[in-house]
N, C-alpha and C. Protein backbone atom coordinates (compact mmCIF):
# COMPACT_ATOMS: atom_id res chain seq x y z
N MET A 1 9.23 -19.55 -25.64
CA MET A 1 7.95 -18.80 -25.78
C MET A 1 7.60 -17.43 -25.52
N LEU A 2 7.54 -16.72 -26.39
CA LEU A 2 7.37 -15.05 -26.00
C LEU A 2 5.99 -15.69 -25.16
N GLY A 3 6.28 -14.61 -23.54
CA GLY A 3 4.95 -14.59 -22.67
C GLY A 3 4.25 -15.80 -22.13
N PHE A 4 5.16 -17.12 -22.49
CA PHE A 4 4.62 -18.29 -21.68
C PHE A 4 6.32 -18.55 -20.44
N TYR A 5 6.06 -18.69 -19.07
CA TYR A 5 7.21 -19.30 -18.60
C TYR A 5 6.88 -20.73 -18.32
N GLU A 6 8.01 -21.36 -18.48
CA GLU A 6 8.02 -22.98 -18.27
C GLU A 6 7.58 -23.15 -17.00
N ASN A 7 9.03 -22.48 -15.84
CA ASN A 7 8.31 -22.95 -15.03
C ASN A 7 7.50 -22.24 -13.53
N PHE A 8 6.87 -21.87 -14.22
CA PHE A 8 5.80 -21.25 -13.55
C PHE A 8 4.92 -21.83 -12.66
N PRO A 9 5.30 -21.06 -10.86
CA PRO A 9 4.77 -22.10 -9.55
C PRO A 9 3.27 -22.82 -9.71
N GLU A 10 3.32 -23.75 -8.56
CA GLU A 10 2.15 -24.50 -8.88
C GLU A 10 1.58 -24.12 -7.70
N GLY A 11 1.92 -23.35 -6.81
CA GLY A 11 1.45 -23.54 -5.32
C GLY A 11 1.52 -21.49 -5.63
N ILE A 12 -0.15 -20.99 -6.12
CA ILE A 12 -0.69 -19.89 -6.29
C ILE A 12 -1.00 -19.06 -4.99
N GLN A 13 -0.92 -17.70 -4.49
CA GLN A 13 -1.44 -17.36 -3.53
C GLN A 13 -3.01 -16.96 -4.02
N LYS A 14 -3.57 -16.56 -5.34
CA LYS A 14 -4.67 -15.85 -5.32
C LYS A 14 -5.10 -15.86 -6.50
N ILE A 15 -6.24 -16.42 -7.37
CA ILE A 15 -6.64 -16.92 -8.17
C ILE A 15 -7.58 -15.63 -8.09
N ALA A 16 -8.00 -14.90 -9.31
CA ALA A 16 -8.98 -13.94 -9.81
C ALA A 16 -9.71 -14.31 -11.37
N PHE A 17 -10.72 -13.95 -11.68
CA PHE A 17 -11.47 -14.61 -12.50
C PHE A 17 -11.97 -13.18 -13.19
N PHE A 18 -12.01 -12.63 -14.78
CA PHE A 18 -12.47 -11.69 -15.41
C PHE A 18 -13.06 -11.99 -16.30
N THR A 19 -13.78 -11.30 -16.89
CA THR A 19 -14.37 -11.14 -17.60
C THR A 19 -14.25 -9.75 -18.71
N THR A 20 -14.15 -9.51 -20.22
CA THR A 20 -14.04 -8.65 -20.62
C THR A 20 -15.06 -8.65 -21.90
N SER A 21 -14.81 -7.16 -22.48
CA SER A 21 -15.97 -6.68 -23.48
C SER A 21 -15.39 -6.28 -24.88
N VAL A 22 -13.78 -6.50 -24.52
CA VAL A 22 -13.01 -6.47 -25.43
C VAL A 22 -12.45 -7.59 -26.11
N SER A 23 -11.62 -7.29 -27.22
CA SER A 23 -10.89 -8.70 -27.94
C SER A 23 -9.61 -8.89 -26.97
N TYR A 24 -9.23 -9.94 -27.39
CA TYR A 24 -7.89 -10.57 -26.15
C TYR A 24 -6.99 -9.60 -27.03
N LYS A 25 -7.21 -9.84 -27.86
CA LYS A 25 -6.02 -8.60 -28.99
C LYS A 25 -6.18 -7.84 -28.29
N ARG A 26 -7.34 -6.88 -28.08
CA ARG A 26 -7.13 -5.18 -28.42
C ARG A 26 -6.51 -5.59 -26.70
N LEU A 27 -7.24 -6.18 -25.57
CA LEU A 27 -7.21 -5.94 -24.32
C LEU A 27 -5.71 -6.22 -24.01
N GLN A 28 -4.84 -7.57 -24.42
CA GLN A 28 -3.64 -7.91 -24.62
C GLN A 28 -2.52 -6.62 -24.70
N GLN A 29 -2.75 -5.64 -25.95
CA GLN A 29 -2.45 -4.80 -26.50
C GLN A 29 -2.37 -3.72 -25.08
N ALA A 30 -3.57 -3.18 -24.94
CA ALA A 30 -3.75 -1.84 -23.58
C ALA A 30 -2.80 -3.05 -22.87
N LEU A 31 -2.81 -3.81 -22.34
CA LEU A 31 -1.93 -4.49 -20.99
C LEU A 31 -0.70 -4.13 -21.22
N THR A 32 -0.12 -4.61 -22.26
CA THR A 32 1.13 -4.31 -22.60
C THR A 32 1.59 -2.83 -22.29
N GLU A 33 0.84 -2.57 -22.64
CA GLU A 33 1.06 -0.65 -22.72
C GLU A 33 1.05 -0.30 -21.28
N ILE A 34 0.37 -0.50 -20.63
CA ILE A 34 -0.15 -0.07 -19.33
C ILE A 34 0.91 -0.43 -18.60
N LEU A 35 1.20 -1.77 -18.58
CA LEU A 35 2.86 -2.21 -17.97
C LEU A 35 3.70 -1.75 -17.90
N HIS A 36 4.48 -1.64 -19.42
CA HIS A 36 5.35 -0.75 -19.59
C HIS A 36 5.18 0.41 -19.08
N ARG A 37 4.70 1.23 -19.29
CA ARG A 37 3.90 2.76 -18.65
C ARG A 37 4.66 2.47 -17.72
N LEU A 38 4.06 1.45 -16.74
CA LEU A 38 4.13 1.06 -15.40
C LEU A 38 5.63 1.27 -14.37
N ASN A 39 6.13 0.99 -15.28
CA ASN A 39 7.73 0.38 -15.62
C ASN A 39 8.26 2.16 -15.02
N THR A 40 8.01 3.37 -15.58
CA THR A 40 8.48 4.19 -15.56
C THR A 40 7.78 5.08 -14.05
N GLU A 41 6.32 4.93 -14.11
CA GLU A 41 6.24 5.32 -12.42
C GLU A 41 6.61 4.78 -11.55
N THR A 42 6.20 5.49 -10.04
CA THR A 42 6.21 5.32 -8.98
C THR A 42 4.84 5.79 -8.54
N SER A 43 4.66 5.14 -7.69
CA SER A 43 3.09 5.55 -6.63
C SER A 43 3.82 5.89 -5.02
N ARG A 44 2.12 5.81 -4.57
CA ARG A 44 2.49 6.05 -3.27
C ARG A 44 2.04 4.27 -2.42
N LEU A 45 2.54 3.54 -1.72
CA LEU A 45 1.54 2.62 -1.34
C LEU A 45 0.44 2.53 -0.57
N GLU A 46 0.18 3.53 -0.01
CA GLU A 46 -1.39 3.87 -0.06
C GLU A 46 -2.64 3.66 -0.97
N ASP A 47 -2.01 4.39 -1.97
CA ASP A 47 -2.59 4.29 -3.24
C ASP A 47 -3.12 2.55 -3.66
N LEU A 48 -2.38 2.00 -3.40
CA LEU A 48 -2.44 0.24 -3.96
C LEU A 48 -3.00 -0.32 -3.00
N GLY A 49 -2.61 -0.04 -1.65
CA GLY A 49 -3.26 -1.28 -0.28
C GLY A 49 -3.54 -0.57 0.68
N ASN A 50 -3.39 -1.42 1.83
CA ASN A 50 -3.35 -0.86 3.16
C ASN A 50 -1.72 -0.68 3.73
N PRO A 51 -1.79 0.51 3.73
CA PRO A 51 -0.22 0.99 4.00
C PRO A 51 0.07 0.32 5.22
N SER A 52 1.40 -0.50 5.29
CA SER A 52 2.26 -0.89 6.49
C SER A 52 3.93 0.28 6.87
N ILE A 53 3.70 1.00 5.52
CA ILE A 53 4.39 1.80 6.09
C ILE A 53 4.12 2.90 5.02
N PRO A 54 4.32 4.15 6.15
CA PRO A 54 3.77 5.57 6.43
C PRO A 54 5.19 5.91 5.11
N GLN A 55 4.27 7.05 4.35
CA GLN A 55 5.40 7.45 3.51
C GLN A 55 6.34 6.37 2.64
N CYS A 56 5.54 5.55 2.34
CA CYS A 56 6.28 4.93 0.96
C CYS A 56 6.07 4.53 -0.15
N GLN A 57 6.83 4.92 -0.68
CA GLN A 57 6.69 4.94 -2.76
C GLN A 57 6.58 3.60 -3.37
N ILE A 58 6.37 3.35 -4.27
CA ILE A 58 6.82 1.79 -4.71
C ILE A 58 6.86 2.41 -6.29
N ALA A 59 7.95 2.33 -7.18
CA ALA A 59 8.29 1.45 -8.04
C ALA A 59 8.47 0.16 -8.54
N PHE A 60 7.78 0.90 -9.84
CA PHE A 60 7.44 -0.42 -10.61
C PHE A 60 8.69 -1.63 -11.66
N GLU A 61 8.43 -2.77 -12.07
CA GLU A 61 9.46 -3.06 -13.17
C GLU A 61 8.69 -4.61 -12.84
N PHE A 62 7.84 -4.15 -14.49
CA PHE A 62 7.45 -5.41 -14.99
C PHE A 62 8.18 -6.42 -16.65
N GLY A 63 7.96 -7.23 -16.13
CA GLY A 63 8.66 -7.99 -17.80
C GLY A 63 7.84 -8.95 -17.73
N ILE A 64 8.17 -9.38 -19.04
CA ILE A 64 6.82 -10.87 -19.56
C ILE A 64 7.74 -12.10 -19.79
N ALA A 65 7.06 -13.01 -20.36
CA ALA A 65 8.14 -14.44 -20.21
C ALA A 65 8.60 -14.56 -21.38
N ASP A 66 9.64 -15.25 -21.39
CA ASP A 66 10.25 -16.05 -22.55
C ASP A 66 11.03 -17.41 -22.30
N THR A 67 9.96 -18.46 -22.20
CA THR A 67 10.39 -19.38 -21.76
C THR A 67 10.96 -19.56 -20.31
N GLN A 68 11.99 -19.64 -20.62
CA GLN A 68 12.42 -19.74 -18.91
C GLN A 68 13.64 -18.26 -18.27
N THR A 69 12.72 -17.20 -18.47
CA THR A 69 13.51 -16.30 -18.30
C THR A 69 12.65 -14.80 -18.39
N PHE A 70 12.13 -13.38 -17.56
CA PHE A 70 11.72 -12.88 -17.94
C PHE A 70 12.21 -12.14 -18.66
N ASN A 71 11.84 -10.95 -19.74
CA ASN A 71 12.11 -9.43 -20.49
C ASN A 71 12.02 -8.74 -19.74
N TYR A 72 12.62 -7.54 -19.48
CA TYR A 72 12.40 -6.07 -19.03
C TYR A 72 11.21 -5.62 -19.92
N LEU A 73 10.14 -4.78 -19.56
CA LEU A 73 8.95 -4.55 -20.96
C LEU A 73 9.47 -2.80 -20.69
N ASP A 74 10.86 -3.30 -21.88
CA ASP A 74 11.05 -1.49 -22.17
C ASP A 74 10.40 -1.52 -23.39
N ASP A 75 11.35 -0.56 -24.28
CA ASP A 75 10.26 0.29 -25.66
C ASP A 75 10.59 -1.28 -26.81
N LYS A 76 11.61 -1.65 -26.52
CA LYS A 76 12.06 -2.69 -27.15
C LYS A 76 11.04 -3.64 -27.60
N GLU A 77 10.99 -4.26 -25.95
CA GLU A 77 10.51 -5.77 -25.69
C GLU A 77 9.00 -5.31 -26.29
N MET A 78 8.29 -4.25 -26.03
CA MET A 78 6.96 -3.51 -26.04
C MET A 78 6.32 -3.69 -27.26
N LYS A 79 7.85 -3.21 -28.26
CA LYS A 79 7.08 -3.55 -29.86
C LYS A 79 7.01 -5.13 -30.51
N GLU A 80 8.10 -5.52 -29.65
CA GLU A 80 8.25 -7.27 -29.90
C GLU A 80 6.36 -8.05 -29.71
N VAL A 81 6.49 -7.52 -28.57
CA VAL A 81 5.27 -7.98 -27.84
C VAL A 81 3.90 -7.84 -28.72
N LEU A 82 3.74 -6.51 -29.05
CA LEU A 82 2.62 -5.61 -29.63
C LEU A 82 2.49 -6.27 -31.27
N ASN A 83 4.28 -6.89 -31.67
CA ASN A 83 4.25 -7.11 -33.12
C ASN A 83 3.48 -8.73 -33.29
N ARG A 84 3.51 -9.04 -32.05
CA ARG A 84 3.11 -10.68 -31.94
C ARG A 84 1.58 -10.88 -31.89
N ILE A 85 1.44 -9.80 -30.62
CA ILE A 85 -0.50 -9.61 -30.61
C ILE A 85 -1.22 -9.47 -32.09
N SER A 86 -0.65 -8.45 -32.59
CA SER A 86 -1.10 -8.27 -33.95
C SER A 86 -1.16 -9.35 -34.65
N GLU A 87 -0.38 -9.99 -34.74
CA GLU A 87 -0.30 -11.74 -35.34
C GLU A 87 -1.40 -12.65 -35.05
N ARG A 88 -1.59 -12.58 -33.27
CA ARG A 88 -2.93 -13.39 -32.92
C ARG A 88 -2.11 -12.89 -31.73
N ALA A 89 -3.32 -13.29 -30.75
CA ALA A 89 -3.91 -13.00 -29.41
C ALA A 89 -2.63 -14.27 -28.21
N PHE A 90 -2.29 -13.97 -27.45
CA PHE A 90 -2.09 -15.23 -26.59
C PHE A 90 -2.69 -16.26 -25.57
N SER A 91 -2.58 -17.29 -25.34
CA SER A 91 -3.75 -17.64 -24.54
C SER A 91 -3.02 -17.80 -23.31
N ILE A 92 -1.78 -17.42 -23.46
CA ILE A 92 -1.47 -17.34 -21.99
C ILE A 92 -0.08 -16.43 -21.88
N MET A 93 -0.15 -15.45 -20.59
CA MET A 93 0.64 -14.66 -20.74
C MET A 93 1.21 -14.46 -19.34
N ASP A 94 2.79 -14.44 -19.34
CA ASP A 94 3.19 -14.76 -17.96
C ASP A 94 3.57 -13.58 -17.88
N PHE A 95 3.54 -13.07 -16.39
CA PHE A 95 4.61 -11.40 -15.64
C PHE A 95 5.36 -11.54 -14.94
N LEU A 96 6.56 -10.86 -14.12
CA LEU A 96 6.90 -10.80 -13.67
C LEU A 96 6.51 -9.01 -12.92
N CYS A 97 6.83 -9.11 -11.83
CA CYS A 97 6.37 -8.25 -11.27
C CYS A 97 7.24 -8.07 -10.17
N VAL A 98 7.87 -6.72 -10.22
CA VAL A 98 9.04 -6.49 -8.86
C VAL A 98 9.09 -5.04 -8.58
N LEU A 99 8.14 -5.18 -7.14
CA LEU A 99 8.08 -4.17 -6.73
C LEU A 99 9.25 -3.36 -5.59
N ARG A 100 9.82 -2.20 -6.04
CA ARG A 100 10.51 -1.67 -5.39
C ARG A 100 10.26 -0.29 -4.10
N TYR A 101 10.30 -1.13 -3.04
CA TYR A 101 9.77 0.05 -2.07
C TYR A 101 10.60 0.89 -1.59
N TYR A 102 10.29 2.33 -1.75
CA TYR A 102 11.46 3.57 -1.06
C TYR A 102 10.03 4.24 0.52
N ARG A 103 11.09 4.32 1.53
CA ARG A 103 10.13 5.27 2.29
C ARG A 103 11.50 6.56 2.01
N THR A 104 10.36 7.46 2.32
CA THR A 104 10.72 9.52 2.22
C THR A 104 10.64 9.88 3.39
N LYS A 105 12.03 10.35 4.22
CA LYS A 105 12.01 10.71 5.67
C LYS A 105 13.06 12.33 5.48
N ASN A 106 12.33 13.03 5.63
CA ASN A 106 13.37 14.33 5.64
C ASN A 106 13.41 14.32 4.32
N GLU A 107 12.40 14.50 3.29
CA GLU A 107 13.21 14.35 1.69
C GLU A 107 14.41 13.52 1.57
N LYS A 108 14.11 12.54 2.27
CA LYS A 108 15.56 11.54 1.86
C LYS A 108 15.00 9.71 1.36
N GLN A 109 15.55 9.30 0.50
CA GLN A 109 14.54 8.37 0.49
C GLN A 109 15.37 7.06 0.56
N THR A 110 14.46 5.71 1.20
CA THR A 110 15.58 4.76 1.78
C THR A 110 15.30 3.99 1.28
N PRO A 111 15.81 3.02 0.45
CA PRO A 111 15.21 1.61 0.00
C PRO A 111 15.51 0.60 0.81
N LEU A 112 13.80 0.11 0.75
CA LEU A 112 13.46 -1.11 1.67
C LEU A 112 13.31 -2.26 0.47
N ARG A 113 12.96 -3.23 1.71
CA ARG A 113 13.07 -4.95 0.83
C ARG A 113 12.19 -4.58 -0.70
N PHE A 114 12.41 -5.51 -1.45
CA PHE A 114 11.10 -5.71 -2.88
C PHE A 114 10.06 -6.56 -2.68
N ASP A 115 9.34 -6.44 -2.94
CA ASP A 115 8.38 -7.81 -3.71
C ASP A 115 8.32 -8.38 -5.11
N TYR A 116 8.66 -9.64 -5.00
CA TYR A 116 8.44 -10.12 -6.30
C TYR A 116 6.79 -11.58 -6.59
N TYR A 117 6.42 -10.90 -7.43
CA TYR A 117 5.34 -11.40 -7.63
C TYR A 117 5.29 -11.91 -9.22
N MET A 118 4.60 -13.56 -9.83
CA MET A 118 4.19 -13.66 -11.22
C MET A 118 2.99 -13.60 -11.23
N PHE A 119 2.81 -13.13 -12.19
CA PHE A 119 1.08 -13.53 -13.11
C PHE A 119 1.27 -13.69 -14.30
N ARG A 120 0.12 -14.86 -13.97
CA ARG A 120 -0.05 -15.66 -15.47
C ARG A 120 -1.47 -15.22 -15.83
N LEU A 121 -2.01 -15.03 -16.96
CA LEU A 121 -2.69 -14.68 -17.65
C LEU A 121 -3.80 -15.63 -18.69
N LYS A 122 -4.42 -16.18 -18.24
CA LYS A 122 -4.98 -17.28 -19.04
C LYS A 122 -6.23 -16.74 -19.71
N PHE A 123 -6.43 -16.92 -20.99
CA PHE A 123 -7.54 -16.26 -22.20
C PHE A 123 -8.26 -17.70 -22.66
N ASP A 124 -9.63 -17.44 -22.05
CA ASP A 124 -10.02 -19.05 -22.88
C ASP A 124 -11.78 -18.52 -22.66
N LYS A 125 -12.43 -18.79 -23.84
CA LYS A 125 -13.99 -18.67 -24.10
C LYS A 125 -14.22 -17.57 -22.91
N GLY A 126 -13.63 -16.85 -23.28
CA GLY A 126 -14.22 -15.49 -22.78
C GLY A 126 -14.40 -15.05 -21.34
N MET A 127 -12.99 -16.13 -20.98
CA MET A 127 -12.80 -15.82 -19.52
C MET A 127 -11.55 -15.56 -19.57
N ILE A 128 -11.05 -14.23 -18.53
CA ILE A 128 -9.44 -14.42 -18.15
C ILE A 128 -9.48 -15.07 -16.50
N GLU A 129 -8.28 -15.53 -16.49
CA GLU A 129 -7.83 -16.26 -15.40
C GLU A 129 -6.47 -15.58 -14.87
N MET A 130 -6.66 -15.41 -13.95
CA MET A 130 -5.43 -14.67 -13.45
C MET A 130 -4.38 -15.64 -12.23
N ARG A 131 -3.66 -16.06 -12.66
CA ARG A 131 -3.02 -16.83 -10.88
C ARG A 131 -1.76 -15.76 -10.90
N ILE A 132 -1.78 -15.85 -9.14
CA ILE A 132 -0.64 -14.61 -9.01
C ILE A 132 -0.08 -15.79 -8.15
N PHE A 133 1.86 -15.44 -7.80
CA PHE A 133 2.24 -16.15 -6.85
C PHE A 133 3.37 -15.11 -6.20
N HIS A 134 3.25 -14.70 -5.30
CA HIS A 134 4.13 -14.06 -4.40
C HIS A 134 5.83 -15.12 -4.01
N GLU A 135 6.54 -14.45 -4.81
CA GLU A 135 8.03 -15.43 -5.12
C GLU A 135 8.62 -15.61 -3.89
N ARG A 136 9.12 -13.84 -3.61
CA ARG A 136 9.81 -13.45 -1.90
C ARG A 136 9.81 -12.09 -2.06
N GLY A 137 9.60 -11.49 -0.81
CA GLY A 137 9.38 -10.41 0.08
C GLY A 137 8.73 -10.04 0.84
N SER A 138 8.64 -8.76 1.15
CA SER A 138 7.49 -8.57 2.47
C SER A 138 6.33 -8.31 2.34
N MET A 139 6.08 -8.36 0.70
CA MET A 139 4.38 -8.23 0.87
C MET A 139 3.56 -7.53 1.13
N HIS A 140 4.34 -5.85 1.38
CA HIS A 140 3.43 -5.07 1.31
C HIS A 140 2.07 -4.58 0.84
N ILE A 141 2.15 -5.37 -0.84
CA ILE A 141 0.55 -5.26 -0.93
C ILE A 141 0.78 -6.66 -1.61
N SER A 142 -0.53 -7.03 -1.03
CA SER A 142 -1.36 -8.03 -1.28
C SER A 142 -1.56 -8.60 -2.70
N PRO A 143 -1.35 -9.97 -3.38
CA PRO A 143 -1.83 -10.80 -4.25
C PRO A 143 -2.84 -10.16 -4.91
N GLU A 144 -4.56 -10.11 -4.06
CA GLU A 144 -5.39 -9.33 -4.32
C GLU A 144 -5.30 -7.91 -4.51
N GLU A 145 -4.15 -7.78 -3.72
CA GLU A 145 -4.28 -6.11 -4.56
C GLU A 145 -3.69 -5.90 -6.13
N ILE A 146 -2.54 -6.22 -6.69
CA ILE A 146 -1.90 -6.96 -7.71
C ILE A 146 -3.31 -7.01 -8.96
N ALA A 147 -3.99 -7.83 -8.25
CA ALA A 147 -4.98 -8.43 -9.64
C ALA A 147 -5.99 -6.71 -9.56
N ASN A 148 -5.97 -6.48 -8.92
CA ASN A 148 -6.92 -4.96 -8.49
C ASN A 148 -6.15 -4.07 -8.94
N LEU A 149 -4.58 -4.00 -8.96
CA LEU A 149 -4.21 -2.70 -9.62
C LEU A 149 -4.34 -3.27 -11.43
N VAL A 150 -4.00 -4.25 -11.91
CA VAL A 150 -4.07 -4.45 -13.23
C VAL A 150 -5.49 -4.31 -13.50
N ARG A 151 -6.23 -4.47 -12.92
CA ARG A 151 -7.75 -4.27 -13.48
C ARG A 151 -8.42 -3.16 -13.40
N ASP A 152 -8.20 -2.54 -12.38
CA ASP A 152 -7.64 -1.18 -12.35
C ASP A 152 -7.31 -0.07 -13.18
N LYS A 153 -6.14 -0.25 -13.71
CA LYS A 153 -5.42 -0.01 -15.07
C LYS A 153 -5.81 -0.19 -16.21
N VAL A 154 -6.36 -1.10 -16.27
CA VAL A 154 -6.93 -1.74 -17.61
C VAL A 154 -8.05 -0.72 -17.41
N ASN A 155 -9.03 -1.14 -17.55
CA ASN A 155 -10.41 -0.28 -16.82
C ASN A 155 -9.99 0.96 -17.19
N ALA A 156 -8.98 1.62 -16.36
CA ALA A 156 -8.75 3.12 -16.62
C ALA A 156 -8.49 3.72 -18.16
N ALA A 157 -7.97 2.66 -18.68
CA ALA A 157 -7.49 3.00 -20.04
C ALA A 157 -8.38 2.99 -21.20
N PHE A 158 -9.61 2.71 -20.84
CA PHE A 158 -10.90 2.63 -21.54
C PHE A 158 -12.05 3.74 -21.39
N SER A 159 -12.59 3.87 -22.39
CA SER A 159 -13.67 4.79 -22.21
C SER A 159 -14.81 3.80 -21.20
N ARG A 160 -14.93 2.80 -21.00
CA ARG A 160 -16.16 2.61 -20.65
C ARG A 160 -14.92 0.94 -19.34
N LYS A 161 -15.11 0.80 -18.53
CA LYS A 161 -15.23 -0.61 -17.79
C LYS A 161 -15.18 -2.07 -18.87
N VAL A 162 -14.16 -2.53 -18.58
CA VAL A 162 -13.71 -3.59 -19.77
C VAL A 162 -13.41 -4.99 -19.16
N LEU A 163 -12.93 -4.80 -18.12
CA LEU A 163 -12.49 -5.68 -17.61
C LEU A 163 -13.04 -6.54 -15.92
N LYS A 164 -14.65 -7.32 -15.69
CA LYS A 164 -14.91 -7.00 -14.81
C LYS A 164 -14.50 -8.83 -13.65
N THR A 165 -14.33 -8.22 -12.50
CA THR A 165 -13.73 -9.98 -11.47
C THR A 165 -15.54 -10.25 -11.36
N THR A 166 -15.54 -11.68 -11.96
CA THR A 166 -16.42 -12.56 -11.76
C THR A 166 -16.00 -13.60 -11.03
N ALA A 167 -16.96 -14.34 -10.88
CA ALA A 167 -16.56 -15.72 -10.25
C ALA A 167 -16.16 -17.18 -10.95
N PRO A 168 -15.51 -18.16 -10.75
CA PRO A 168 -15.12 -19.03 -11.78
C PRO A 168 -16.43 -20.05 -12.19
N ASP A 169 -16.78 -20.52 -13.39
CA ASP A 169 -17.59 -21.09 -13.93
C ASP A 169 -18.09 -22.27 -12.81
């Protein structure tokens, strides 16, 4: 089933809660487009978190769940997800987030270890719950910084702040 990963882990490292001022459909469409776009970008480690490696770049690889696997969010997959959302918003969206680190020294890039995260977004009664699991890697970016990245990128895509961090009920 598109958007849902059957084997999502129980032992999570971070739970974040958000409220939103837009419909789940609109939010999910924006989120899908944002993660697709991030797959083509790199960032500096210090722009996302507390840098443990100087002069480090991050390349993103986001995939969306499809029952027992994750599909890379390329153009084709993004269109399929957007079509599904236009029919009906998801109640759960599971994603794989691979962070590839590169250290740049004297204009030479050296690849470093990757981080593998899974995160689940549950949409229910005006509340969004984000569960983040660090599967493996060096954890140069914390689970909280993953939640902040998603929140900040979504908010930047709208003319006003549409995702607000909140405490659970």
